[in-house]
Amino acid sequence: MAELSVNSKFSRKHYTVSLHESKGKSHYDLFLENGDVLNAWRISAPPETGCVTVEKICDHRKKYLEYEGEISEGRGKVTIHSQGHYRLFESLLTLEDGKSSGIYLFKKNLLIDPRKSTKKLEDYSDKF
């Protein structure tokens, strides 16, 4: 996971989960506010579905916290799936408000909702 600068262990910052649709394919993007940019990850499904794969992508401009609509150069369109505030402490990511609210384990290439995952947390030990 990319390092996020946090002024306080418990500071609240904004997050957005957006659905990106392009040429018959779709994926979700997780945006976490971090100073003047959004740290971004492509995720295979909304976080609240249980255990999703994540891939770090380039940082985005802060306008994507609120943006819905067409993306330039025919790259598809985005709609907001969920948004609110987040807190990050070590590998625990808390999303507050919105459809994706919950506490997740966020490590390497997985975002895990322990309430909905079909595996025991010990089964993910090689990911931590």
Protein backbone atom coordinates (compact mmCIF):
# COMPACT_ATOMS: atom_id res chain seq x y z
CA MET A 1 0.00 0.00 0.00
CA ALA A 2 1.28 3.48 -0.75
CA GLU A 3 2.21 5.56 2.23
CA LEU A 4 -0.41 8.11 3.19
CA SER A 5 0.72 11.13 5.13
CA VAL A 6 -1.47 11.52 8.17
CA ASN A 7 -1.16 14.54 10.46
CA SER A 8 -2.98 12.71 13.20
CA LYS A 9 -3.58 9.00 13.58
CA PHE A 10 -7.28 9.71 13.70
CA SER A 11 -7.72 12.59 11.24
CA ARG A 12 -10.82 12.41 9.04
CA LYS A 13 -10.34 12.91 5.34
CA HIS A 14 -12.60 12.38 2.34
CA TYR A 15 -12.96 9.22 0.27
CA THR A 16 -14.89 8.32 -2.87
CA VAL A 17 -15.55 4.98 -4.54
CA SER A 18 -16.36 5.58 -8.22
CA LEU A 19 -17.60 3.21 -10.90
CA HIS A 20 -15.59 3.68 -14.11
CA GLU A 21 -17.28 2.31 -17.24
CA SER A 22 -15.49 2.22 -20.59
CA LYS A 23 -16.07 0.26 -23.79
CA GLY A 24 -18.25 -2.41 -22.17
CA LYS A 25 -15.89 -2.95 -19.25
CA SER A 26 -16.09 -1.57 -15.75
CA HIS A 27 -14.12 -1.37 -12.53
CA TYR A 28 -14.19 0.69 -9.37
CA ASP A 29 -11.69 3.26 -8.17
CA LEU A 30 -11.02 4.06 -4.52
CA PHE A 31 -9.85 7.63 -3.93
CA LEU A 32 -8.42 8.68 -0.56
CA GLU A 33 -7.75 12.36 0.05
CA ASN A 34 -4.12 12.96 0.98
CA GLY A 35 -3.07 16.60 1.06
CA ASP A 36 -3.43 18.17 -2.38
CA VAL A 37 -4.02 14.89 -4.23
CA LEU A 38 -6.12 11.76 -4.14
CA ASN A 39 -4.24 8.51 -3.65
CA ALA A 40 -5.97 6.06 -5.96
CA TRP A 41 -6.47 2.31 -6.33
CA ARG A 42 -8.33 0.32 -8.95
CA ILE A 43 -10.52 -2.19 -7.12
CA SER A 44 -12.28 -5.21 -8.57
CA ALA A 45 -15.62 -4.56 -6.85
CA PRO A 46 -17.07 -2.23 -4.22
CA PRO A 47 -15.30 -2.67 -0.85
CA GLU A 48 -18.46 -3.81 0.92
CA THR A 49 -18.62 -7.01 -1.15
CA GLY A 50 -16.11 -8.84 1.08
CA CYS A 51 -12.61 -9.28 -0.28
CA VAL A 52 -11.52 -7.32 -3.33
CA THR A 53 -8.24 -7.02 -5.15
CA VAL A 54 -6.61 -3.60 -5.31
CA GLU A 55 -4.03 -2.17 -7.66
CA LYS A 56 -2.32 1.14 -6.93
CA ILE A 57 -2.77 3.60 -9.78
CA CYS A 58 -1.46 7.13 -10.22
CA ASP A 59 -2.61 9.88 -7.90
CA HIS A 60 -5.57 11.90 -9.14
CA ARG A 61 -6.70 15.50 -8.87
CA LYS A 62 -9.02 16.28 -5.98
CA LYS A 63 -11.89 17.07 -8.36
CA TYR A 64 -12.51 13.30 -8.62
CA LEU A 65 -13.92 13.30 -5.07
CA GLU A 66 -17.08 14.84 -6.54
CA TYR A 67 -16.82 14.22 -10.28
CA GLU A 68 -19.44 12.29 -12.23
CA GLY A 69 -19.64 12.28 -16.00
CA GLU A 70 -17.65 11.70 -19.15
CA ILE A 71 -13.86 11.40 -18.98
CA SER A 72 -11.81 13.21 -21.61
CA GLU A 73 -10.42 11.51 -24.71
CA GLY A 74 -13.18 8.88 -24.81
CA ARG A 75 -12.00 7.06 -21.69
CA GLY A 76 -15.54 6.35 -20.52
CA LYS A 77 -17.62 7.77 -17.71
CA VAL A 78 -17.60 7.71 -13.94
CA THR A 79 -20.41 7.67 -11.39
CA ILE A 80 -20.02 7.91 -7.65
CA HIS A 81 -20.84 4.66 -5.86
CA SER A 82 -20.06 5.82 -2.31
CA GLN A 83 -18.42 8.73 -0.56
CA GLY A 84 -17.79 10.05 2.90
CA HIS A 85 -14.87 10.29 5.30
CA TYR A 86 -12.12 7.84 6.13
CA ARG A 87 -9.63 7.18 8.88
CA LEU A 88 -6.48 5.14 8.42
CA PHE A 89 -4.53 3.55 11.23
CA GLU A 90 -1.80 1.11 10.22
CA SER A 91 -3.61 -1.45 8.04
CA LEU A 92 -7.13 -0.62 9.24
CA LEU A 93 -9.12 1.59 6.89
CA THR A 94 -12.38 2.93 8.28
CA LEU A 95 -14.82 4.29 5.71
CA GLU A 96 -17.54 6.38 7.29
CA ASP A 97 -20.83 7.25 5.60
CA GLY A 98 -22.08 5.97 2.27
CA LYS A 99 -22.69 2.46 0.92
CA SER A 100 -19.11 1.39 1.61
CA SER A 101 -19.00 2.32 5.30
CA GLY A 102 -17.18 -0.21 7.45
CA ILE A 103 -13.80 -1.22 8.80
CA TYR A 104 -11.49 -2.92 6.32
CA LEU A 105 -8.08 -4.55 6.38
CA PHE A 106 -6.02 -2.82 3.70
CA LYS A 107 -2.77 -4.58 2.84
CA LYS A 108 -0.75 -5.19 -0.28
CA ASN A 109 -3.19 -6.17 -3.00
CA LEU A 110 -6.34 -6.85 -0.94
CA LEU A 111 -9.08 -4.85 0.72
CA ILE A 112 -10.94 -7.16 3.11
CA ASP A 113 -14.26 -6.67 4.89
CA PRO A 114 -13.97 -9.23 7.72
CA ARG A 115 -17.75 -9.18 8.22
CA LYS A 116 -18.43 -10.51 4.74
CA SER A 117 -15.34 -12.41 3.68
CA THR A 118 -15.84 -16.15 3.40
CA LYS A 119 -12.29 -16.84 4.61
CA LYS A 120 -10.91 -16.56 8.12
CA LEU A 121 -8.42 -13.75 8.64
CA GLU A 122 -5.68 -16.32 9.25
CA ASP A 123 -6.15 -17.51 5.66
CA TYR A 124 -4.87 -14.13 4.48
CA SER A 125 -1.70 -14.26 6.59
CA ASP A 126 0.53 -14.51 3.51
CA LYS A 127 -0.87 -11.16 2.36
CA PHE A 128 0.22 -9.24 5.46
